[in-house]
Amino acid sequence: MTIKSLFEQLFHSHSKELVYFAGQRAAEVAEDVVQESFLRLMQHPEPQTIENHRAYLYKLTGNALIDYQRKLAVRERYHGEVEDLDSLPADAPGPDVSLHHQQILQGVMRALDELPPLQRSIFLLHRVDGLTYLQIGKLLRMSRSNVERQFYAALEYCFAAALAGKR
């Protein structure tokens, strides 16, 4: 018997009872679950060596039902979380606020460009790269207090430039 004829014979012999079996636990997807079971059987490396194809198909169908129910539970939980998120007010600022923030950022970027190279490096290492004053001091061979002083000088300059609307 060829593998193709084996699958055809198994499908004709067992598909209806498997659909009934799956329908008892998930009627809306019973046929899909049975198709999934047959697809899993087709992926078996040597399906002709299975001793009891009917029992094996029932086991595959039961496993496919469990997988379906798990996916359904995840979807329901996710859907509930999405509904919860939809009820929250939007955090996104309006276009006028975004434009204002963009202008401030551009001013700060220009101010950073105007800083002495050492202050700019220290500012970026601390604020962007997240290094501590001690780590920056070791990297640049400076004392921690000198790094801190240089950082605050850069911060003051950028803050003043942002407040003054320096462009």
N, C-alpha and C. Protein backbone atom coordinates (compact mmCIF):
# COMPACT_ATOMS: atom_id res chain seq x y z
N MET A 1 0.85 -1.17 0.00
CA MET A 1 0.00 0.00 0.00
C MET A 1 0.90 1.24 0.00
N THR A 2 0.64 2.19 -0.87
CA THR A 2 1.42 3.42 -0.93
C THR A 2 1.00 4.34 0.21
N ILE A 3 1.87 5.29 0.50
CA ILE A 3 1.57 6.24 1.58
C ILE A 3 0.34 7.06 1.23
N LYS A 4 0.22 7.45 -0.05
CA LYS A 4 -0.93 8.24 -0.48
C LYS A 4 -2.23 7.45 -0.27
N SER A 5 -2.24 6.20 -0.66
CA SER A 5 -3.45 5.40 -0.49
C SER A 5 -3.73 5.13 0.99
N LEU A 6 -2.68 5.03 1.80
CA LEU A 6 -2.85 4.86 3.24
C LEU A 6 -3.57 6.08 3.82
N PHE A 7 -3.12 7.28 3.47
CA PHE A 7 -3.74 8.49 3.97
C PHE A 7 -5.19 8.61 3.49
N GLU A 8 -5.43 8.29 2.25
CA GLU A 8 -6.80 8.37 1.72
C GLU A 8 -7.70 7.40 2.47
N GLN A 9 -7.23 6.19 2.68
CA GLN A 9 -8.01 5.17 3.38
C GLN A 9 -8.29 5.60 4.82
N LEU A 10 -7.26 6.15 5.51
CA LEU A 10 -7.43 6.59 6.89
C LEU A 10 -8.40 7.77 6.97
N PHE A 11 -8.31 8.69 6.02
CA PHE A 11 -9.19 9.85 6.02
C PHE A 11 -10.64 9.42 5.84
N HIS A 12 -10.87 8.55 4.86
CA HIS A 12 -12.25 8.09 4.61
C HIS A 12 -12.79 7.25 5.76
N SER A 13 -11.93 6.50 6.41
CA SER A 13 -12.38 5.62 7.48
C SER A 13 -12.61 6.35 8.81
N HIS A 14 -11.84 7.38 9.10
CA HIS A 14 -11.85 7.95 10.45
C HIS A 14 -12.19 9.43 10.56
N SER A 15 -12.23 10.15 9.47
CA SER A 15 -12.41 11.61 9.56
C SER A 15 -13.73 12.00 10.23
N LYS A 16 -14.84 11.30 9.88
CA LYS A 16 -16.14 11.67 10.45
C LYS A 16 -16.18 11.45 11.96
N GLU A 17 -15.65 10.32 12.41
CA GLU A 17 -15.68 10.06 13.85
C GLU A 17 -14.73 11.01 14.60
N LEU A 18 -13.63 11.40 13.95
CA LEU A 18 -12.71 12.36 14.57
C LEU A 18 -13.34 13.76 14.65
N VAL A 19 -14.10 14.14 13.62
CA VAL A 19 -14.79 15.42 13.65
C VAL A 19 -15.82 15.41 14.78
N TYR A 20 -16.54 14.30 14.93
CA TYR A 20 -17.50 14.18 16.04
C TYR A 20 -16.78 14.30 17.38
N PHE A 21 -15.67 13.59 17.52
CA PHE A 21 -14.87 13.63 18.75
C PHE A 21 -14.40 15.06 19.05
N ALA A 22 -13.86 15.73 18.06
CA ALA A 22 -13.37 17.10 18.25
C ALA A 22 -14.54 18.06 18.49
N GLY A 23 -15.66 17.81 17.86
CA GLY A 23 -16.83 18.67 18.00
C GLY A 23 -17.39 18.68 19.40
N GLN A 24 -17.15 17.63 20.17
CA GLN A 24 -17.63 17.61 21.55
C GLN A 24 -16.90 18.62 22.43
N ARG A 25 -15.68 19.00 22.03
CA ARG A 25 -14.90 19.95 22.83
C ARG A 25 -14.74 21.31 22.15
N ALA A 26 -14.86 21.34 20.83
CA ALA A 26 -14.68 22.61 20.11
C ALA A 26 -15.41 22.51 18.77
N ALA A 27 -16.73 22.59 18.81
CA ALA A 27 -17.56 22.37 17.62
C ALA A 27 -17.22 23.33 16.48
N GLU A 28 -16.90 24.58 16.82
CA GLU A 28 -16.68 25.58 15.78
C GLU A 28 -15.42 25.33 14.96
N VAL A 29 -14.50 24.55 15.48
CA VAL A 29 -13.25 24.31 14.75
C VAL A 29 -12.95 22.82 14.59
N ALA A 30 -13.94 21.97 14.78
CA ALA A 30 -13.72 20.53 14.77
C ALA A 30 -13.07 20.05 13.47
N GLU A 31 -13.58 20.51 12.33
CA GLU A 31 -13.01 20.06 11.05
C GLU A 31 -11.58 20.55 10.88
N ASP A 32 -11.29 21.77 11.32
CA ASP A 32 -9.93 22.29 11.22
C ASP A 32 -8.97 21.49 12.10
N VAL A 33 -9.43 21.13 13.27
CA VAL A 33 -8.61 20.35 14.19
C VAL A 33 -8.29 18.98 13.60
N VAL A 34 -9.28 18.37 12.97
CA VAL A 34 -9.06 17.05 12.36
C VAL A 34 -8.09 17.18 11.17
N GLN A 35 -8.25 18.23 10.39
CA GLN A 35 -7.29 18.44 9.29
C GLN A 35 -5.88 18.62 9.83
N GLU A 36 -5.76 19.36 10.93
CA GLU A 36 -4.46 19.53 11.56
C GLU A 36 -3.89 18.18 12.00
N SER A 37 -4.75 17.31 12.50
CA SER A 37 -4.31 15.98 12.92
C SER A 37 -3.77 15.18 11.76
N PHE A 38 -4.46 15.23 10.63
CA PHE A 38 -3.99 14.51 9.46
C PHE A 38 -2.69 15.11 8.91
N LEU A 39 -2.56 16.43 9.01
CA LEU A 39 -1.31 17.06 8.59
C LEU A 39 -0.16 16.61 9.48
N ARG A 40 -0.43 16.49 10.76
CA ARG A 40 0.60 16.01 11.68
C ARG A 40 0.97 14.56 11.37
N LEU A 41 -0.03 13.77 11.02
CA LEU A 41 0.25 12.38 10.64
C LEU A 41 1.12 12.34 9.39
N MET A 42 0.84 13.22 8.44
CA MET A 42 1.63 13.25 7.20
C MET A 42 3.09 13.64 7.47
N GLN A 43 3.33 14.34 8.56
CA GLN A 43 4.70 14.74 8.89
C GLN A 43 5.47 13.63 9.60
N HIS A 44 4.78 12.58 9.95
CA HIS A 44 5.45 11.44 10.59
C HIS A 44 6.44 10.85 9.60
N PRO A 45 7.66 10.55 10.04
CA PRO A 45 8.67 10.06 9.11
C PRO A 45 8.33 8.71 8.46
N GLU A 46 7.65 7.85 9.21
CA GLU A 46 7.27 6.54 8.67
C GLU A 46 5.87 6.17 9.14
N PRO A 47 4.84 6.78 8.52
CA PRO A 47 3.47 6.53 8.99
C PRO A 47 3.02 5.08 8.83
N GLN A 48 3.59 4.36 7.90
CA GLN A 48 3.18 2.96 7.70
C GLN A 48 3.64 2.06 8.84
N THR A 49 4.56 2.54 9.69
CA THR A 49 5.03 1.72 10.81
C THR A 49 4.16 1.87 12.06
N ILE A 50 3.21 2.79 12.04
CA ILE A 50 2.33 2.99 13.20
C ILE A 50 1.41 1.78 13.30
N GLU A 51 1.33 1.18 14.49
CA GLU A 51 0.54 -0.04 14.66
C GLU A 51 -0.96 0.22 14.62
N ASN A 52 -1.42 1.26 15.32
CA ASN A 52 -2.86 1.52 15.39
C ASN A 52 -3.10 2.96 14.94
N HIS A 53 -3.38 3.11 13.65
CA HIS A 53 -3.56 4.45 13.08
C HIS A 53 -4.75 5.18 13.71
N ARG A 54 -5.80 4.46 13.98
CA ARG A 54 -7.00 5.09 14.56
C ARG A 54 -6.67 5.70 15.92
N ALA A 55 -6.02 4.94 16.79
CA ALA A 55 -5.64 5.43 18.11
C ALA A 55 -4.66 6.61 17.98
N TYR A 56 -3.74 6.50 17.05
CA TYR A 56 -2.77 7.56 16.84
C TYR A 56 -3.46 8.84 16.39
N LEU A 57 -4.45 8.72 15.49
CA LEU A 57 -5.21 9.88 15.03
C LEU A 57 -6.02 10.50 16.17
N TYR A 58 -6.58 9.68 17.03
CA TYR A 58 -7.30 10.21 18.18
C TYR A 58 -6.34 10.98 19.10
N LYS A 59 -5.15 10.44 19.30
CA LYS A 59 -4.15 11.11 20.14
C LYS A 59 -3.75 12.44 19.49
N LEU A 60 -3.51 12.44 18.17
CA LEU A 60 -3.16 13.68 17.46
C LEU A 60 -4.29 14.71 17.56
N THR A 61 -5.52 14.24 17.42
CA THR A 61 -6.68 15.15 17.50
C THR A 61 -6.81 15.72 18.90
N GLY A 62 -6.64 14.89 19.91
CA GLY A 62 -6.68 15.38 21.29
C GLY A 62 -5.60 16.43 21.55
N ASN A 63 -4.40 16.18 21.04
CA ASN A 63 -3.31 17.15 21.20
C ASN A 63 -3.62 18.44 20.45
N ALA A 64 -4.19 18.33 19.26
CA ALA A 64 -4.54 19.52 18.48
C ALA A 64 -5.62 20.33 19.20
N LEU A 65 -6.55 19.64 19.87
CA LEU A 65 -7.57 20.34 20.65
C LEU A 65 -6.96 21.09 21.83
N ILE A 66 -6.02 20.44 22.49
CA ILE A 66 -5.34 21.10 23.61
C ILE A 66 -4.59 22.34 23.10
N ASP A 67 -3.89 22.22 21.97
CA ASP A 67 -3.19 23.36 21.39
C ASP A 67 -4.17 24.48 21.06
N TYR A 68 -5.31 24.12 20.48
CA TYR A 68 -6.32 25.12 20.12
C TYR A 68 -6.83 25.84 21.37
N GLN A 69 -7.12 25.08 22.41
CA GLN A 69 -7.64 25.68 23.64
C GLN A 69 -6.61 26.59 24.30
N ARG A 70 -5.34 26.22 24.23
CA ARG A 70 -4.29 27.09 24.77
C ARG A 70 -4.21 28.39 23.98
N LYS A 71 -4.24 28.28 22.67
CA LYS A 71 -4.19 29.49 21.82
C LYS A 71 -5.40 30.38 22.09
N LEU A 72 -6.55 29.75 22.26
CA LEU A 72 -7.77 30.51 22.53
C LEU A 72 -7.65 31.25 23.87
N ALA A 73 -7.10 30.60 24.87
CA ALA A 73 -6.93 31.24 26.18
C ALA A 73 -5.98 32.43 26.08
N VAL A 74 -4.91 32.27 25.33
CA VAL A 74 -3.96 33.37 25.15
C VAL A 74 -4.63 34.52 24.42
N ARG A 75 -5.39 34.20 23.36
CA ARG A 75 -6.09 35.25 22.61
C ARG A 75 -7.08 36.00 23.49
N GLU A 76 -7.82 35.26 24.31
CA GLU A 76 -8.81 35.90 25.18
C GLU A 76 -8.13 36.80 26.20
N ARG A 77 -7.02 36.33 26.76
CA ARG A 77 -6.30 37.15 27.73
C ARG A 77 -5.73 38.39 27.04
N TYR A 78 -5.15 38.20 25.87
CA TYR A 78 -4.58 39.32 25.13
C TYR A 78 -5.68 40.30 24.72
N HIS A 79 -6.81 39.77 24.27
CA HIS A 79 -7.91 40.63 23.85
C HIS A 79 -8.41 41.47 25.02
N GLY A 80 -8.49 40.87 26.20
CA GLY A 80 -8.91 41.60 27.38
C GLY A 80 -7.92 42.70 27.74
N GLU A 81 -6.62 42.40 27.60
CA GLU A 81 -5.61 43.41 27.88
C GLU A 81 -5.68 44.55 26.88
N VAL A 82 -5.94 44.23 25.62
CA VAL A 82 -6.05 45.26 24.59
C VAL A 82 -7.26 46.14 24.87
N GLU A 83 -8.38 45.53 25.27
CA GLU A 83 -9.56 46.32 25.61
C GLU A 83 -9.26 47.24 26.79
N ASP A 84 -8.50 46.73 27.78
CA ASP A 84 -8.12 47.57 28.91
C ASP A 84 -7.28 48.75 28.46
N LEU A 85 -6.36 48.49 27.54
CA LEU A 85 -5.51 49.56 27.03
C LEU A 85 -6.31 50.57 26.22
N ASP A 86 -7.30 50.08 25.48
CA ASP A 86 -8.11 50.98 24.66
C ASP A 86 -8.90 51.96 25.51
N SER A 87 -9.22 51.58 26.74
CA SER A 87 -10.01 52.46 27.60
C SER A 87 -9.16 53.54 28.25
N LEU A 88 -7.84 53.41 28.19
CA LEU A 88 -6.96 54.42 28.78
C LEU A 88 -6.85 55.62 27.85
N PRO A 89 -6.66 56.79 28.42
CA PRO A 89 -6.46 57.96 27.56
C PRO A 89 -5.13 57.85 26.83
N ALA A 90 -5.07 58.42 25.65
CA ALA A 90 -3.86 58.35 24.84
C ALA A 90 -2.77 59.18 25.50
N ASP A 91 -1.56 58.61 25.54
CA ASP A 91 -0.42 59.33 26.08
C ASP A 91 0.27 60.17 25.02
N ALA A 92 -0.06 59.95 23.78
CA ALA A 92 0.60 60.66 22.70
C ALA A 92 0.22 62.14 22.73
N PRO A 93 1.22 62.99 22.71
CA PRO A 93 0.90 64.42 22.72
C PRO A 93 0.33 64.86 21.38
N GLY A 94 -0.37 65.97 21.41
CA GLY A 94 -0.92 66.51 20.18
C GLY A 94 0.18 67.08 19.30
N PRO A 95 -0.15 67.46 18.07
CA PRO A 95 0.86 67.96 17.14
C PRO A 95 1.54 69.24 17.63
N ASP A 96 0.80 70.11 18.33
CA ASP A 96 1.42 71.35 18.81
C ASP A 96 2.45 71.07 19.90
N VAL A 97 2.15 70.11 20.77
CA VAL A 97 3.10 69.75 21.83
C VAL A 97 4.31 69.05 21.22
N SER A 98 4.07 68.18 20.25
CA SER A 98 5.18 67.49 19.58
C SER A 98 6.11 68.48 18.90
N LEU A 99 5.53 69.47 18.23
CA LEU A 99 6.34 70.49 17.56
C LEU A 99 7.16 71.27 18.58
N HIS A 100 6.53 71.63 19.69
CA HIS A 100 7.24 72.37 20.75
C HIS A 100 8.41 71.55 21.28
N HIS A 101 8.17 70.25 21.55
CA HIS A 101 9.23 69.38 22.06
C HIS A 101 10.34 69.22 21.03
N GLN A 102 9.96 69.13 19.78
CA GLN A 102 10.96 69.00 18.71
C GLN A 102 11.84 70.24 18.64
N GLN A 103 11.23 71.41 18.80
CA GLN A 103 11.99 72.66 18.77
C GLN A 103 12.95 72.74 19.96
N ILE A 104 12.49 72.32 21.12
CA ILE A 104 13.37 72.30 22.31
C ILE A 104 14.53 71.34 22.08
N LEU A 105 14.23 70.18 21.55
CA LEU A 105 15.27 69.19 21.29
C LEU A 105 16.30 69.73 20.29
N GLN A 106 15.83 70.38 19.26
CA GLN A 106 16.75 70.96 18.28
C GLN A 106 17.64 72.02 18.93
N GLY A 107 17.06 72.83 19.83
CA GLY A 107 17.85 73.83 20.56
C GLY A 107 18.90 73.17 21.43
N VAL A 108 18.53 72.12 22.12
CA VAL A 108 19.48 71.40 22.98
C VAL A 108 20.57 70.76 22.12
N MET A 109 20.20 70.20 20.97
CA MET A 109 21.21 69.59 20.08
C MET A 109 22.20 70.64 19.59
N ARG A 110 21.70 71.82 19.26
CA ARG A 110 22.60 72.91 18.83
C ARG A 110 23.51 73.33 19.99
N ALA A 111 22.92 73.39 21.18
CA ALA A 111 23.72 73.75 22.35
C ALA A 111 24.80 72.71 22.61
N LEU A 112 24.46 71.43 22.43
CA LEU A 112 25.47 70.37 22.58
C LEU A 112 26.60 70.55 21.58
N ASP A 113 26.26 70.93 20.38
CA ASP A 113 27.29 71.15 19.35
C ASP A 113 28.21 72.31 19.71
N GLU A 114 27.70 73.27 20.49
CA GLU A 114 28.49 74.44 20.88
C GLU A 114 29.37 74.18 22.10
N LEU A 115 29.13 73.09 22.80
CA LEU A 115 29.92 72.78 24.00
C LEU A 115 31.35 72.43 23.62
N PRO A 116 32.27 72.66 24.55
CA PRO A 116 33.63 72.15 24.33
C PRO A 116 33.58 70.63 24.20
N PRO A 117 34.47 70.05 23.41
CA PRO A 117 34.42 68.60 23.15
C PRO A 117 34.40 67.74 24.42
N LEU A 118 35.18 68.11 25.43
CA LEU A 118 35.21 67.31 26.66
C LEU A 118 33.86 67.32 27.36
N GLN A 119 33.25 68.49 27.49
CA GLN A 119 31.93 68.57 28.14
C GLN A 119 30.88 67.81 27.34
N ARG A 120 30.92 67.93 26.03
CA ARG A 120 29.96 67.21 25.18
C ARG A 120 30.12 65.70 25.37
N SER A 121 31.37 65.23 25.36
CA SER A 121 31.62 63.79 25.54
C SER A 121 31.10 63.29 26.88
N ILE A 122 31.41 64.06 27.93
CA ILE A 122 30.96 63.65 29.27
C ILE A 122 29.44 63.65 29.34
N PHE A 123 28.81 64.67 28.81
CA PHE A 123 27.35 64.75 28.82
C PHE A 123 26.75 63.54 28.10
N LEU A 124 27.25 63.23 26.91
CA LEU A 124 26.71 62.10 26.13
C LEU A 124 27.00 60.76 26.79
N LEU A 125 28.20 60.60 27.33
CA LEU A 125 28.53 59.34 28.01
C LEU A 125 27.61 59.09 29.20
N HIS A 126 27.28 60.19 29.91
CA HIS A 126 26.43 60.02 31.10
C HIS A 126 24.96 59.89 30.72
N ARG A 127 24.45 60.80 29.90
CA ARG A 127 23.01 60.83 29.60
C ARG A 127 22.59 59.81 28.54
N VAL A 128 23.40 59.60 27.54
CA VAL A 128 23.01 58.70 26.45
C VAL A 128 23.50 57.28 26.71
N ASP A 129 24.77 57.14 27.08
CA ASP A 129 25.33 55.81 27.28
C ASP A 129 25.09 55.26 28.68
N GLY A 130 24.68 56.13 29.61
CA GLY A 130 24.32 55.68 30.95
C GLY A 130 25.49 55.37 31.86
N LEU A 131 26.68 55.87 31.53
CA LEU A 131 27.83 55.61 32.39
C LEU A 131 27.77 56.49 33.63
N THR A 132 28.33 55.98 34.72
CA THR A 132 28.39 56.77 35.96
C THR A 132 29.56 57.73 35.86
N TYR A 133 29.60 58.70 36.80
CA TYR A 133 30.71 59.66 36.82
C TYR A 133 32.03 58.93 37.04
N LEU A 134 32.01 57.92 37.90
CA LEU A 134 33.21 57.15 38.18
C LEU A 134 33.70 56.41 36.93
N GLN A 135 32.77 55.80 36.21
CA GLN A 135 33.14 55.08 34.98
C GLN A 135 33.71 56.05 33.93
N ILE A 136 33.09 57.21 33.81
CA ILE A 136 33.57 58.20 32.85
C ILE A 136 34.95 58.70 33.28
N GLY A 137 35.12 58.91 34.58
CA GLY A 137 36.42 59.35 35.09
C GLY A 137 37.52 58.35 34.76
N LYS A 138 37.24 57.08 34.95
CA LYS A 138 38.23 56.05 34.61
C LYS A 138 38.51 56.05 33.12
N LEU A 139 37.45 56.19 32.32
CA LEU A 139 37.60 56.17 30.87
C LEU A 139 38.44 57.36 30.37
N LEU A 140 38.19 58.54 30.95
CA LEU A 140 38.87 59.76 30.49
C LEU A 140 40.06 60.14 31.38
N ARG A 141 40.35 59.31 32.39
CA ARG A 141 41.45 59.54 33.31
C ARG A 141 41.31 60.89 34.00
N MET A 142 40.13 61.06 34.60
CA MET A 142 39.82 62.27 35.33
C MET A 142 39.23 61.88 36.68
N SER A 143 39.23 62.81 37.61
CA SER A 143 38.59 62.52 38.90
C SER A 143 37.08 62.53 38.73
N ARG A 144 36.43 61.81 39.61
CA ARG A 144 34.97 61.75 39.58
C ARG A 144 34.38 63.14 39.76
N SER A 145 34.93 63.92 40.67
CA SER A 145 34.38 65.26 40.93
C SER A 145 34.57 66.18 39.73
N ASN A 146 35.67 66.05 39.00
CA ASN A 146 35.89 66.86 37.81
C ASN A 146 34.89 66.47 36.71
N VAL A 147 34.63 65.17 36.56
CA VAL A 147 33.64 64.70 35.59
C VAL A 147 32.27 65.27 35.94
N GLU A 148 31.93 65.22 37.22
CA GLU A 148 30.63 65.74 37.66
C GLU A 148 30.52 67.24 37.39
N ARG A 149 31.58 67.97 37.67
CA ARG A 149 31.60 69.41 37.42
C ARG A 149 31.42 69.72 35.93
N GLN A 150 32.11 68.98 35.09
CA GLN A 150 32.02 69.19 33.64
C GLN A 150 30.61 68.84 33.14
N PHE A 151 30.03 67.77 33.69
CA PHE A 151 28.68 67.37 33.29
C PHE A 151 27.68 68.47 33.64
N TYR A 152 27.75 68.98 34.88
CA TYR A 152 26.79 70.00 35.29
C TYR A 152 26.98 71.31 34.52
N ALA A 153 28.20 71.60 34.13
CA ALA A 153 28.43 72.78 33.30
C ALA A 153 27.74 72.61 31.95
N ALA A 154 27.87 71.43 31.37
CA ALA A 154 27.21 71.14 30.09
C ALA A 154 25.70 71.16 30.24
N LEU A 155 25.22 70.60 31.33
CA LEU A 155 23.78 70.57 31.58
C LEU A 155 23.22 71.98 31.75
N GLU A 156 23.92 72.80 32.49
CA GLU A 156 23.48 74.19 32.68
C GLU A 156 23.43 74.93 31.35
N TYR A 157 24.45 74.73 30.53
CA TYR A 157 24.49 75.42 29.24
C TYR A 157 23.31 74.98 28.36
N CYS A 158 23.06 73.67 28.30
CA CYS A 158 21.95 73.16 27.47
C CYS A 158 20.60 73.64 28.01
N PHE A 159 20.46 73.65 29.33
CA PHE A 159 19.22 74.10 29.95
C PHE A 159 18.97 75.57 29.65
N ALA A 160 20.01 76.37 29.81
CA ALA A 160 19.89 77.81 29.54
C ALA A 160 19.57 78.04 28.05
N ALA A 161 20.20 77.27 27.17
CA ALA A 161 19.94 77.43 25.74
C ALA A 161 18.50 77.05 25.43
N ALA A 162 17.99 76.03 26.07
CA ALA A 162 16.60 75.62 25.82
C ALA A 162 15.63 76.67 26.34
N LEU A 163 15.92 77.23 27.52
CA LEU A 163 15.03 78.26 28.08
C LEU A 163 15.06 79.54 27.25
N ALA A 164 16.23 79.87 26.76
CA ALA A 164 16.38 81.12 26.00
C ALA A 164 15.89 80.97 24.57
N GLY A 165 15.59 79.73 24.20
CA GLY A 165 15.17 79.49 22.81
C GLY A 165 16.31 79.71 21.85
N LYS A 166 17.52 79.46 22.32
CA LYS A 166 18.71 79.68 21.50
C LYS A 166 18.68 78.76 20.30
N ARG A 167 18.87 79.34 19.13
CA ARG A 167 18.83 78.55 17.89
C ARG A 167 19.99 78.87 17.00
